[in-house]
Each structure stands twice: as structure tokens, then as C-alpha cells.
PDB file of N, CA and C in Angstrom:
ATOM      1  N   UNK A   1       4.052  15.183   8.804  1.00  0.00           N
ATOM      2  CA  UNK A   1       3.365  14.678   9.208  1.00  0.00           C
ATOM      3  C   UNK A   1       3.232  13.454   9.141  1.00  0.00           C
ATOM      4  N   UNK A   2       3.246  12.937  10.081  1.00  0.00           N
ATOM      5  CA  UNK A   2       2.713  11.695  11.200  1.00  0.00           C
ATOM      6  C   UNK A   2       2.375  10.547  10.692  1.00  0.00           C
ATOM      7  N   UNK A   3       3.073   9.296  10.907  1.00  0.00           N
ATOM      8  CA  UNK A   3       2.345   7.985  10.432  1.00  0.00           C
ATOM      9  C   UNK A   3       2.297   6.867  11.305  1.00  0.00           C
ATOM     10  N   UNK A   4       1.592   6.028  11.531  1.00  0.00           N
ATOM     11  CA  UNK A   4       0.910   5.316  12.744  1.00  0.00           C
ATOM     12  C   UNK A   4       2.196   4.485  12.691  1.00  0.00           C
ATOM     13  N   UNK A   5       2.843   4.524  13.282  1.00  0.00           N
ATOM     14  CA  UNK A   5       4.336   3.250  13.868  1.00  0.00           C
ATOM     15  C   UNK A   5       4.535   1.944  14.154  1.00  0.00           C
ATOM     16  N   UNK A   6       2.783   1.722  14.616  1.00  0.00           N
ATOM     17  CA  UNK A   6       2.449   0.475  14.458  1.00  0.00           C
ATOM     18  C   UNK A   6       1.980  -0.391  13.417  1.00  0.00           C
ATOM     19  N   UNK A   7       1.858   0.400  12.526  1.00  0.00           N
ATOM     20  CA  UNK A   7       0.435   0.005  11.416  1.00  0.00           C
ATOM     21  C   UNK A   7       2.066  -0.143  10.487  1.00  0.00           C
ATOM     22  N   UNK A   8       2.902   0.818  10.873  1.00  0.00           N
ATOM     23  CA  UNK A   8       4.862   0.485   9.956  1.00  0.00           C
ATOM     24  C   UNK A   8       5.659  -0.478  10.353  1.00  0.00           C
ATOM     25  N   UNK A   9       5.401  -1.016  11.146  1.00  0.00           N
ATOM     26  CA  UNK A   9       5.965  -2.418  12.424  1.00  0.00           C
ATOM     27  C   UNK A   9       5.258  -3.854  11.300  1.00  0.00           C
ATOM     28  N   UNK A  10       3.993  -3.604  11.163  1.00  0.00           N
ATOM     29  CA  UNK A  10       3.677  -5.102  11.051  1.00  0.00           C
ATOM     30  C   UNK A  10       3.846  -5.215   9.627  1.00  0.00           C
ATOM     31  N   UNK A  11       3.779  -3.482   8.220  1.00  0.00           N
ATOM     32  CA  UNK A  11       4.225  -3.344   6.972  1.00  0.00           C
ATOM     33  C   UNK A  11       5.632  -4.538   7.324  1.00  0.00           C
ATOM     34  N   UNK A  12       6.376  -4.117   8.180  1.00  0.00           N
ATOM     35  CA  UNK A  12       7.965  -4.003   7.913  1.00  0.00           C
ATOM     36  C   UNK A  12       7.849  -6.239   7.825  1.00  0.00           C
ATOM     37  N   UNK A  13       7.440  -6.407   8.950  1.00  0.00           N
ATOM     38  CA  UNK A  13       7.610  -7.997   9.292  1.00  0.00           C
ATOM     39  C   UNK A  13       6.543  -8.484   7.694  1.00  0.00           C
ATOM     40  N   UNK A  14       5.416  -8.097   7.628  1.00  0.00           N
ATOM     41  CA  UNK A  14       5.217  -8.850   6.578  1.00  0.00           C
ATOM     42  C   UNK A  14       5.956  -8.622   5.559  1.00  0.00           C
ATOM     43  N   UNK A  15       6.733  -7.957   5.182  1.00  0.00           N
ATOM     44  CA  UNK A  15       7.247  -7.572   3.861  1.00  0.00           C
ATOM     45  C   UNK A  15       9.319  -8.417   4.266  1.00  0.00           C
ATOM     46  N   UNK A  16       9.264  -9.175   5.314  1.00  0.00           N
ATOM     47  CA  UNK A  16      10.579  -9.351   5.999  1.00  0.00           C
ATOM     48  C   UNK A  16      11.039 -10.655   4.445  1.00  0.00           C
ATOM     49  N   UNK A  17      10.028 -11.078   4.324  1.00  0.00           N
ATOM     50  CA  UNK A  17      10.523 -12.556   3.658  1.00  0.00           C
ATOM     51  C   UNK A  17      10.860 -11.825   2.440  1.00  0.00           C
ATOM     52  N   UNK A  18      10.693 -10.782   1.536  1.00  0.00           N
ATOM     53  CA  UNK A  18      11.022 -10.527   0.288  1.00  0.00           C
ATOM     54  C   UNK A  18      12.259  -9.608   0.319  1.00  0.00           C
ATOM     55  N   UNK A  19      12.612  -9.658  -0.948  1.00  0.00           N
ATOM     56  CA  UNK A  19      14.119  -9.251  -1.176  1.00  0.00           C
ATOM     57  C   UNK A  19      14.031  -7.199  -1.571  1.00  0.00           C
ATOM     58  N   UNK A  20      15.366  -7.160  -1.677  1.00  0.00           N
ATOM     59  CA  UNK A  20      15.026  -5.765  -1.945  1.00  0.00           C
ATOM     60  C   UNK A  20      13.875  -4.663  -1.469  1.00  0.00           C
ATOM     61  N   UNK A  21      13.893  -4.972  -0.505  1.00  0.00           N
ATOM     62  CA  UNK A  21      12.863  -4.131   0.625  1.00  0.00           C
ATOM     63  C   UNK A  21      13.549  -2.588   0.994  1.00  0.00           C
ATOM     64  N   UNK A  22      12.855  -1.404   0.248  1.00  0.00           N
ATOM     65  CA  UNK A  22      13.577  -0.059   0.874  1.00  0.00           C
ATOM     66  C   UNK A  22      12.431   0.950   1.376  1.00  0.00           C
ATOM     67  N   UNK A  23      12.750   1.512   2.404  1.00  0.00           N
ATOM     68  CA  UNK A  23      11.673   2.069   3.630  1.00  0.00           C
ATOM     69  C   UNK A  23      12.199   3.762   2.457  1.00  0.00           C
ATOM     70  N   UNK A  24      10.834   4.932   2.232  1.00  0.00           N
ATOM     71  CA  UNK A  24      11.144   5.904   1.748  1.00  0.00           C
ATOM     72  C   UNK A  24      10.375   6.861   2.128  1.00  0.00           C
ATOM     73  N   UNK A  25      10.609   8.173   3.045  1.00  0.00           N
ATOM     74  CA  UNK A  25       9.536   9.028   3.399  1.00  0.00           C
ATOM     75  C   UNK A  25       8.948   9.425   2.450  1.00  0.00           C
ATOM     76  N   UNK A  26       8.129   9.545   1.835  1.00  0.00           N
ATOM     77  CA  UNK A  26       7.442  10.639   0.802  1.00  0.00           C
ATOM     78  C   UNK A  26       5.505  10.235   0.512  1.00  0.00           C
ATOM     79  N   UNK A  27       5.537  11.236   0.300  1.00  0.00           N
ATOM     80  CA  UNK A  27       3.405  11.263   0.086  1.00  0.00           C
ATOM     81  C   UNK A  27       3.418  11.534   1.036  1.00  0.00           C
ATOM     82  N   UNK A  28       3.975  12.262   2.801  1.00  0.00           N
ATOM     83  CA  UNK A  28       3.083  12.422   3.845  1.00  0.00           C
ATOM     84  C   UNK A  28       3.131  11.256   4.745  1.00  0.00           C
ATOM     85  N   UNK A  29       4.638   9.708   4.031  1.00  0.00           N
ATOM     86  CA  UNK A  29       4.071   8.728   5.213  1.00  0.00           C
ATOM     87  C   UNK A  29       5.496   8.124   4.955  1.00  0.00           C
ATOM     88  N   UNK A  30       5.127   7.179   4.847  1.00  0.00           N
ATOM     89  CA  UNK A  30       6.141   5.764   4.656  1.00  0.00           C
ATOM     90  C   UNK A  30       5.846   4.879   3.525  1.00  0.00           C
ATOM     91  N   UNK A  31       6.391   4.982   2.471  1.00  0.00           N
ATOM     92  CA  UNK A  31       6.645   3.894   1.539  1.00  0.00           C
ATOM     93  C   UNK A  31       7.484   2.755   1.171  1.00  0.00           C
ATOM     94  N   UNK A  32       7.039   1.724   1.153  1.00  0.00           N
ATOM     95  CA  UNK A  32       7.836   0.052   1.053  1.00  0.00           C
ATOM     96  C   UNK A  32       8.161   0.424  -0.180  1.00  0.00           C
ATOM     97  N   UNK A  33       9.061   0.530  -1.023  1.00  0.00           N
ATOM     98  CA  UNK A  33       9.172   0.321  -2.463  1.00  0.00           C
ATOM     99  C   UNK A  33      10.143  -1.264  -2.126  1.00  0.00           C
ATOM    100  N   UNK A  34       9.446  -2.174  -3.087  1.00  0.00           N
ATOM    101  CA  UNK A  34      10.017  -3.855  -3.075  1.00  0.00           C
ATOM    102  C   UNK A  34      10.461  -3.679  -4.474  1.00  0.00           C
ATOM    103  N   UNK A  35      11.263  -4.529  -4.683  1.00  0.00           N
ATOM    104  CA  UNK A  35      12.160  -4.170  -5.558  1.00  0.00           C
ATOM    105  C   UNK A  35      12.736  -3.161  -6.954  1.00  0.00           C
ATOM    106  N   UNK A  36      12.586  -2.289  -6.297  1.00  0.00           N
ATOM    107  CA  UNK A  36      12.691  -0.551  -6.754  1.00  0.00           C
ATOM    108  C   UNK A  36      11.252  -0.189  -7.006  1.00  0.00           C
ATOM    109  N   UNK A  37      10.464  -1.375  -7.320  1.00  0.00           N
ATOM    110  CA  UNK A  37       8.820  -0.366  -7.824  1.00  0.00           C
ATOM    111  C   UNK A  37       8.161   0.105  -5.922  1.00  0.00           C
ATOM    112  N   UNK A  38       7.563   0.957  -5.882  1.00  0.00           N
ATOM    113  CA  UNK A  38       6.443   1.619  -5.013  1.00  0.00           C
ATOM    114  C   UNK A  38       5.635   0.413  -4.978  1.00  0.00           C
ATOM    115  N   UNK A  39       5.129  -0.730  -3.330  1.00  0.00           N
ATOM    116  CA  UNK A  39       4.253  -1.446  -3.182  1.00  0.00           C
ATOM    117  C   UNK A  39       3.465  -0.728  -2.593  1.00  0.00           C
ATOM    118  N   UNK A  40       3.661  -0.645  -0.901  1.00  0.00           N
ATOM    119  CA  UNK A  40       2.294   0.135  -0.013  1.00  0.00           C
ATOM    120  C   UNK A  40       2.989  -0.060   0.920  1.00  0.00           C
ATOM    121  N   UNK A  41       2.662   1.190   1.503  1.00  0.00           N
ATOM    122  CA  UNK A  41       2.628   2.617   2.676  1.00  0.00           C
ATOM    123  C   UNK A  41       1.738   2.553   3.377  1.00  0.00           C
ATOM    124  N   UNK A  42       2.783   3.776   4.486  1.00  0.00           N
ATOM    125  CA  UNK A  42       1.687   4.337   5.369  1.00  0.00           C
ATOM    126  C   UNK A  42       1.497   5.437   5.520  1.00  0.00           C
ATOM    127  N   UNK A  43       0.229   5.972   5.139  1.00  0.00           N
ATOM    128  CA  UNK A  43       0.196   7.650   4.993  1.00  0.00           C
ATOM    129  C   UNK A  43      -1.285   7.675   6.540  1.00  0.00           C
ATOM    130  N   UNK A  44      -0.435   7.972   7.210  1.00  0.00           N
ATOM    131  CA  UNK A  44      -0.862   8.553   8.250  1.00  0.00           C
ATOM    132  C   UNK A  44      -1.490   7.498   9.671  1.00  0.00           C
ATOM    133  N   UNK A  45      -3.228   6.929   9.677  1.00  0.00           N
ATOM    134  CA  UNK A  45      -3.178   5.499   9.767  1.00  0.00           C
ATOM    135  C   UNK A  45      -3.744   4.896   9.082  1.00  0.00           C
ATOM    136  N   UNK A  46      -3.191   5.172   7.726  1.00  0.00           N
ATOM    137  CA  UNK A  46      -4.238   3.716   6.453  1.00  0.00           C
ATOM    138  C   UNK A  46      -3.266   3.114   6.192  1.00  0.00           C
ATOM    139  N   UNK A  47      -3.114   2.482   5.493  1.00  0.00           N
ATOM    140  CA  UNK A  47      -2.259   1.710   4.045  1.00  0.00           C
ATOM    141  C   UNK A  47      -2.729   1.464   3.245  1.00  0.00           C
ATOM    142  N   UNK A  48      -1.241   2.479   2.353  1.00  0.00           N
ATOM    143  CA  UNK A  48      -1.880   2.511   1.160  1.00  0.00           C
ATOM    144  C   UNK A  48      -1.324   1.254   0.220  1.00  0.00           C
ATOM    145  N   UNK A  49      -1.965   1.149  -0.371  1.00  0.00           N
ATOM    146  CA  UNK A  49      -1.629  -0.203  -1.441  1.00  0.00           C
ATOM    147  C   UNK A  49      -1.886   0.051  -2.695  1.00  0.00           C
ATOM    148  N   UNK A  50      -1.004   0.113  -3.492  1.00  0.00           N
ATOM    149  CA  UNK A  50      -0.577  -0.032  -4.891  1.00  0.00           C
ATOM    150  C   UNK A  50      -1.544  -1.557  -5.481  1.00  0.00           C
ATOM    151  N   UNK A  51      -1.997  -1.405  -6.538  1.00  0.00           N
ATOM    152  CA  UNK A  51      -3.207  -2.575  -6.858  1.00  0.00           C
ATOM    153  C   UNK A  51      -3.336  -2.303  -8.083  1.00  0.00           C
ATOM    154  N   UNK A  52      -3.376  -3.238  -8.918  1.00  0.00           N
ATOM    155  CA  UNK A  52      -3.838  -3.476 -10.602  1.00  0.00           C
ATOM    156  C   UNK A  52      -5.230  -2.712 -10.596  1.00  0.00           C
ATOM    157  N   UNK A  53      -4.951  -1.847 -10.950  1.00  0.00           N
ATOM    158  CA  UNK A  53      -6.146  -1.177 -11.943  1.00  0.00           C
ATOM    159  C   UNK A  53      -7.345  -2.072 -11.959  1.00  0.00           C
ATOM    160  N   UNK A  54      -6.960  -2.784 -12.684  1.00  0.00           N
ATOM    161  CA  UNK A  54      -8.225  -4.138 -13.078  1.00  0.00           C
ATOM    162  C   UNK A  54      -9.206  -4.573 -12.012  1.00  0.00           C
ATOM    163  N   UNK A  55      -8.230  -4.461 -11.010  1.00  0.00           N
ATOM    164  CA  UNK A  55      -9.248  -4.999  -8.729  1.00  0.00           C
ATOM    165  C   UNK A  55      -9.757  -3.757  -8.366  1.00  0.00           C
ATOM    166  N   UNK A  56      -9.475  -2.719  -8.644  1.00  0.00           N
ATOM    167  CA  UNK A  56      -9.750  -1.847  -7.892  1.00  0.00           C
ATOM    168  C   UNK A  56     -11.204  -1.410  -7.484  1.00  0.00           C
ATOM    169  N   UNK A  57     -12.147  -1.917  -8.227  1.00  0.00           N
ATOM    170  CA  UNK A  57     -13.640  -1.746  -7.818  1.00  0.00           C
ATOM    171  C   UNK A  57     -14.488  -2.612  -6.677  1.00  0.00           C
ATOM    172  N   UNK A  58     -13.221  -4.111  -6.755  1.00  0.00           N
ATOM    173  CA  UNK A  58     -13.538  -5.145  -6.503  1.00  0.00           C
ATOM    174  C   UNK A  58     -13.210  -4.885  -4.719  1.00  0.00           C
ATOM    175  N   UNK A  59     -12.031  -4.229  -4.778  1.00  0.00           N
ATOM    176  CA  UNK A  59     -10.996  -3.944  -3.999  1.00  0.00           C
ATOM    177  C   UNK A  59     -11.894  -2.575  -2.529  1.00  0.00           C
ATOM    178  N   UNK A  60     -12.816  -1.884  -3.318  1.00  0.00           N
ATOM    179  CA  UNK A  60     -13.108  -0.795  -2.748  1.00  0.00           C
ATOM    180  C   UNK A  60     -14.733  -0.556  -2.068  1.00  0.00           C
ATOM    181  N   UNK A  61     -14.692  -2.440  -2.643  1.00  0.00           N
ATOM    182  CA  UNK A  61     -15.983  -2.783  -1.931  1.00  0.00           C
ATOM    183  C   UNK A  61     -15.452  -3.321  -0.471  1.00  0.00           C
ATOM    184  N   UNK A  62     -14.328  -3.774  -0.373  1.00  0.00           N
ATOM    185  CA  UNK A  62     -14.255  -4.379   1.079  1.00  0.00           C
ATOM    186  C   UNK A  62     -14.183  -3.167   1.733  1.00  0.00           C
ATOM    187  N   UNK A  63     -14.443  -3.731   3.357  1.00  0.00           N
ATOM    188  CA  UNK A  63     -14.407  -3.067   4.759  1.00  0.00           C
ATOM    189  C   UNK A  63     -13.104  -2.286   4.363  1.00  0.00           C
ATOM    190  N   UNK A  64     -13.473  -0.404   4.836  1.00  0.00           N
ATOM    191  CA  UNK A  64     -12.713   0.165   5.058  1.00  0.00           C
ATOM    192  C   UNK A  64     -12.006   0.330   4.159  1.00  0.00           C
ATOM    193  N   UNK A  65     -12.107   0.254   3.104  1.00  0.00           N
ATOM    194  CA  UNK A  65     -11.070   0.872   2.151  1.00  0.00           C
ATOM    195  C   UNK A  65     -11.590   1.614   1.008  1.00  0.00           C
ATOM    196  N   UNK A  66     -11.187   2.494   0.435  1.00  0.00           N
ATOM    197  CA  UNK A  66     -11.255   3.820   0.277  1.00  0.00           C
ATOM    198  C   UNK A  66     -10.070   4.093  -1.083  1.00  0.00           C
ATOM    199  N   UNK A  67     -11.001   5.379  -2.469  1.00  0.00           N
ATOM    200  CA  UNK A  67      -9.905   5.076  -3.303  1.00  0.00           C
ATOM    201  C   UNK A  67      -8.873   6.612  -2.980  1.00  0.00           C
ATOM    202  N   UNK A  68      -7.667   6.372  -2.776  1.00  0.00           N
ATOM    203  CA  UNK A  68      -6.550   7.694  -2.700  1.00  0.00           C
ATOM    204  C   UNK A  68      -7.204   8.740  -3.211  1.00  0.00           C
ATOM    205  N   UNK A  69      -6.936   9.873  -3.159  1.00  0.00           N
ATOM    206  CA  UNK A  69      -6.704  10.681  -3.365  1.00  0.00           C
ATOM    207  C   UNK A  69      -5.504  11.824  -3.116  1.00  0.00           C
ATOM    208  N   UNK A  70      -4.993  12.513  -3.991  1.00  0.00           N
ATOM    209  CA  UNK A  70      -3.941  13.228  -4.339  1.00  0.00           C
ATOM    210  C   UNK A  70      -4.280  15.024  -4.158  1.00  0.00           C
ATOM    211  N   UNK A  71      -4.725  15.451  -3.896  1.00  0.00           N
ATOM    212  CA  UNK A  71      -4.644  17.354  -4.250  1.00  0.00           C
ATOM    213  C   UNK A  71      -5.424  16.826  -5.038  1.00  0.00           C
ATOM    214  N   UNK A  72      -6.969  16.400  -4.270  1.00  0.00           N
ATOM    215  CA  UNK A  72      -8.028  16.038  -5.258  1.00  0.00           C
ATOM    216  C   UNK A  72      -8.378  15.597  -5.519  1.00  0.00           C
ATOM    217  N   UNK A  73      -7.849  15.165  -7.048  1.00  0.00           N
ATOM    218  CA  UNK A  73      -7.828  13.782  -7.581  1.00  0.00           C
ATOM    219  C   UNK A  73      -7.305  12.269  -7.453  1.00  0.00           C
ATOM    220  N   UNK A  74      -8.521  11.444  -7.951  1.00  0.00           N
ATOM    221  CA  UNK A  74      -7.998  10.317  -7.805  1.00  0.00           C
ATOM    222  C   UNK A  74      -6.731   9.245  -8.257  1.00  0.00           C
ATOM    223  N   UNK A  75      -6.209   9.013  -7.691  1.00  0.00           N
ATOM    224  CA  UNK A  75      -5.050   8.161  -7.918  1.00  0.00           C
ATOM    225  C   UNK A  75      -5.284   6.885  -8.137  1.00  0.00           C
ATOM    226  N   UNK A  76      -4.874   6.651  -9.635  1.00  0.00           N
ATOM    227  CA  UNK A  76      -5.194   5.369 -10.454  1.00  0.00           C
ATOM    228  C   UNK A  76      -4.532   4.718  -9.447  1.00  0.00           C
ATOM    229  N   UNK A  77      -5.161   3.451  -9.235  1.00  0.00           N
ATOM    230  CA  UNK A  77      -3.828   2.144  -8.980  1.00  0.00           C
ATOM    231  C   UNK A  77      -3.827   2.165  -7.373  1.00  0.00           C
ATOM    232  N   UNK A  78      -3.806   3.395  -6.720  1.00  0.00           N
ATOM    233  CA  UNK A  78      -3.436   3.291  -5.134  1.00  0.00           C
ATOM    234  C   UNK A  78      -5.464   2.883  -4.456  1.00  0.00           C
ATOM    235  N   UNK A  79      -5.129   2.727  -3.036  1.00  0.00           N
ATOM    236  CA  UNK A  79      -6.128   2.461  -2.225  1.00  0.00           C
ATOM    237  C   UNK A  79      -5.577   2.824  -0.800  1.00  0.00           C
ATOM    238  N   UNK A  80      -6.405   3.420   0.109  1.00  0.00           N
ATOM    239  CA  UNK A  80      -6.680   3.838   1.754  1.00  0.00           C
ATOM    240  C   UNK A  80      -7.210   2.384   2.660  1.00  0.00           C
ATOM    241  N   UNK A  81      -6.516   1.888   3.343  1.00  0.00           N
ATOM    242  CA  UNK A  81      -7.578   1.205   3.537  1.00  0.00           C
ATOM    243  C   UNK A  81      -6.862   1.637   5.303  1.00  0.00           C
ATOM    244  N   UNK A  82      -8.037   1.771   6.057  1.00  0.00           N
ATOM    245  CA  UNK A  82      -8.361   2.524   7.428  1.00  0.00           C
ATOM    246  C   UNK A  82      -8.137   1.167   8.068  1.00  0.00           C
ATOM    247  N   UNK A  83      -7.727   1.688   9.763  1.00  0.00           N
ATOM    248  CA  UNK A  83      -8.590  -0.004  10.990  1.00  0.00           C
ATOM    249  C   UNK A  83      -8.942  -1.035  10.436  1.00  0.00           C
ATOM    250  N   UNK A  84     -10.438  -0.217  10.039  1.00  0.00           N
ATOM    251  CA  UNK A  84     -11.064  -1.584  10.097  1.00  0.00           C
ATOM    252  C   UNK A  84     -11.546  -2.406   8.992  1.00  0.00           C
ATOM    253  N   UNK A  85     -10.216  -2.050   8.200  1.00  0.00           N
ATOM    254  CA  UNK A  85      -9.886  -3.224   6.977  1.00  0.00           C
ATOM    255  C   UNK A  85      -8.850  -3.934   7.458  1.00  0.00           C
ATOM    256  N   UNK A  86      -8.312  -4.125   8.115  1.00  0.00           N
ATOM    257  CA  UNK A  86      -6.986  -4.192   8.907  1.00  0.00           C
ATOM    258  C   UNK A  86      -7.293  -4.588  10.242  1.00  0.00           C
ATOM    259  N   UNK A  87      -7.984  -4.854  10.868  1.00  0.00           N
ATOM    260  CA  UNK A  87      -7.683  -6.002  12.402  1.00  0.00           C
ATOM    261  C   UNK A  87      -7.853  -7.267  12.536  1.00  0.00           C
ATOM    262  N   UNK A  88      -8.242  -7.440  11.020  1.00  0.00           N
ATOM    263  CA  UNK A  88      -7.825  -9.219  11.619  1.00  0.00           C
ATOM    264  C   UNK A  88      -6.179  -9.447  10.307  1.00  0.00           C
ATOM    265  N   UNK A  89      -5.462 -10.372  11.006  1.00  0.00           N
ATOM    266  CA  UNK A  89      -4.257 -10.722  10.023  1.00  0.00           C
ATOM    267  C   UNK A  89      -4.875 -11.047   9.170  1.00  0.00           C
ATOM    268  N   UNK A  90      -5.710 -11.813   8.669  1.00  0.00           N
ATOM    269  CA  UNK A  90      -6.552 -12.632   7.368  1.00  0.00           C
ATOM    270  C   UNK A  90      -6.650 -11.309   6.655  1.00  0.00           C
ATOM    271  N   UNK A  91      -7.456 -10.001   6.677  1.00  0.00           N
ATOM    272  CA  UNK A  91      -7.545  -8.443   5.619  1.00  0.00           C
ATOM    273  C   UNK A  91      -6.555  -8.403   5.844  1.00  0.00           C
ATOM    274  N   UNK A  92      -5.328  -7.896   6.732  1.00  0.00           N
ATOM    275  CA  UNK A  92      -4.089  -7.267   6.612  1.00  0.00           C
ATOM    276  C   UNK A  92      -3.279  -8.270   5.241  1.00  0.00           C
ATOM    277  N   UNK A  93      -3.037  -9.366   5.439  1.00  0.00           N
ATOM    278  CA  UNK A  93      -2.301 -10.013   5.016  1.00  0.00           C
ATOM    279  C   UNK A  93      -3.273  -9.918   3.086  1.00  0.00           C
ATOM    280  N   UNK A  94      -4.489  -9.805   3.103  1.00  0.00           N
ATOM    281  CA  UNK A  94      -4.722  -9.933   1.778  1.00  0.00           C
ATOM    282  C   UNK A  94      -4.978  -8.701   1.182  1.00  0.00           C
ATOM    283  N   UNK A  95      -4.089  -7.570   1.638  1.00  0.00           N
ATOM    284  CA  UNK A  95      -3.750  -6.261   0.984  1.00  0.00           C
ATOM    285  C   UNK A  95      -2.673  -6.048   0.936  1.00  0.00           C
ATOM    286  N   UNK A  96      -1.770  -7.109   1.919  1.00  0.00           N
ATOM    287  CA  UNK A  96       0.044  -6.769   1.420  1.00  0.00           C
ATOM    288  C   UNK A  96      -0.328  -8.037   0.379  1.00  0.00           C
ATOM    289  N   UNK A  97      -0.468  -8.935   0.616  1.00  0.00           N
ATOM    290  CA  UNK A  97      -0.778 -10.243  -1.335  1.00  0.00           C
ATOM    291  C   UNK A  97      -0.880  -9.202  -2.111  1.00  0.00           C
ATOM    292  N   UNK A  98      -2.266  -8.243  -2.333  1.00  0.00           N
ATOM    293  CA  UNK A  98      -3.353  -8.429  -3.457  1.00  0.00           C
ATOM    294  C   UNK A  98      -1.777  -7.154  -3.644  1.00  0.00           C
ATOM    295  N   UNK A  99      -1.114  -6.372  -3.472  1.00  0.00           N
ATOM    296  CA  UNK A  99       0.028  -5.180  -3.279  1.00  0.00           C
ATOM    297  C   UNK A  99       1.145  -5.620  -3.722  1.00  0.00           C
ATOM    298  N   UNK A 100       1.159  -7.170  -3.391  1.00  0.00           N
ATOM    299  CA  UNK A 100       3.163  -7.780  -4.076  1.00  0.00           C
ATOM    300  C   UNK A 100       2.032  -8.190  -5.071  1.00  0.00           C
ATOM    301  N   UNK A 101       1.042  -9.090  -5.227  1.00  0.00           N
ATOM    302  CA  UNK A 101       0.665  -9.188  -6.458  1.00  0.00           C
ATOM    303  C   UNK A 101       0.884  -8.675  -7.632  1.00  0.00           C
ATOM    304  N   UNK A 102       0.546  -7.303  -7.353  1.00  0.00           N
ATOM    305  CA  UNK A 102       0.691  -6.250  -8.815  1.00  0.00           C
ATOM    306  C   UNK A 102       2.401  -5.616  -8.782  1.00  0.00           C
ATOM    307  N   UNK A 103       2.450  -5.778  -7.852  1.00  0.00           N
ATOM    308  CA  UNK A 103       4.014  -5.138  -7.906  1.00  0.00           C
ATOM    309  C   UNK A 103       4.770  -6.156  -8.344  1.00  0.00           C
ATOM    310  N   UNK A 104       5.065  -7.592  -8.038  1.00  0.00           N
ATOM    311  CA  UNK A 104       5.514  -8.183  -9.530  1.00  0.00           C
ATOM    312  C   UNK A 104       4.729  -8.082 -10.989  1.00  0.00           C
ATOM    313  N   UNK A 105       4.073  -7.842 -11.590  1.00  0.00           N
ATOM    314  CA  UNK A 105       3.384  -7.352 -13.218  1.00  0.00           C
ATOM    315  C   UNK A 105       4.039  -5.949 -13.566  1.00  0.00           C
ATOM    316  N   UNK A 106       4.373  -5.295 -12.490  1.00  0.00           N
ATOM    317  CA  UNK A 106       4.399  -3.451 -13.162  1.00  0.00           C
ATOM    318  C   UNK A 106       5.613  -3.464 -13.172  1.00  0.00           C
ATOM    319  N   UNK A 107       5.906  -2.448 -13.735  1.00  0.00           N
ATOM    320  CA  UNK A 107       7.080  -2.168 -14.580  1.00  0.00           C
ATOM    321  C   UNK A 107       7.429  -1.154 -13.810  1.00  0.00           C
ATOM    322  N   UNK A 108       8.802  -0.721 -13.244  1.00  0.00           N
ATOM    323  CA  UNK A 108       9.323   0.260 -12.623  1.00  0.00           C
ATOM    324  C   UNK A 108      10.144   1.286 -13.693  1.00  0.00           C
ATOM    325  N   UNK A 109       9.293   2.431 -12.899  1.00  0.00           N
ATOM    326  CA  UNK A 109       8.878   4.405 -13.589  1.00  0.00           C
ATOM    327  C   UNK A 109      10.612   4.379 -13.443  1.00  0.00           C
ATOM    328  N   UNK A 110      10.627   5.012 -15.215  1.00  0.00           N
ATOM    329  CA  UNK A 110      11.785   5.641 -15.270  1.00  0.00           C
ATOM    330  C   UNK A 110      12.020   7.546 -14.962  1.00  0.00           C
ATOM    331  N   UNK A 111      13.119   7.743 -14.467  1.00  0.00           N
ATOM    332  CA  UNK A 111      13.280   9.075 -14.191  1.00  0.00           C
ATOM    333  C   UNK A 111      12.386   9.788 -15.532  1.00  0.00           C
ATOM    334  N   UNK A 112      12.475  10.703 -15.459  1.00  0.00           N
ATOM    335  CA  UNK A 112      12.622  11.528 -17.121  1.00  0.00           C
ATOM    336  C   UNK A 112      13.776  12.348 -16.763  1.00  0.00           C
TER     337      UNK A 112
END
């Protein structure tokens, strides 16, 4: 499944000041790991954001944002933002920063 390379380039640029950024192809797109934790990604033409579940309801009210679902089930703490919510630099930076804030407090998932 292809992903929007222009959006991926925007994400790379936004994360360029972060330490330990790694790109992984997963979930049908490109995921950016920050400090070993999934942070943001590009899923088709949308920005995938891992956010604090406590701010999910507020985030879903933003233009272009919807709950991420995988195999028909909502993914807690993940939203997708389409191009309508990413038009301006301010909007794009809002989603990146929201994801980075949560990345700082979320624990690394350990493999079972």
C-alpha cells in the first residue's frame, strides 16, 4: 500500500530536531519511531498521530481528524488527520507537537 511521500517528507523535516528518530514501514504505511516509541506516521494520504487518549475527544473535533480503526476496531490513542487538517503549517505543527508530547510520557512497549 502506497503512502504520500510529500507528507512523509514534511514529517521528516518536522522531526529533524528530535533525537533517535527511526522510520519503519508498518500498518500499511510509514511509521516514525521517536526514542523507540511509535509517534507519528503516514497512512495513505493521512497523518497518523499517537496521542494521549485523554485528549482524544478534543482532537476529534479538529478539522480533518477522525478515529483510527484497524480491522474495524477503534485504536485507542490513535487518530488520522486528512489534508483538510494539515493545510497550514500551524495545523501540521499542532498534530506533530501533540504526538511528541504524548511520546515523552508513554512507556516503551516490550515484546512478549
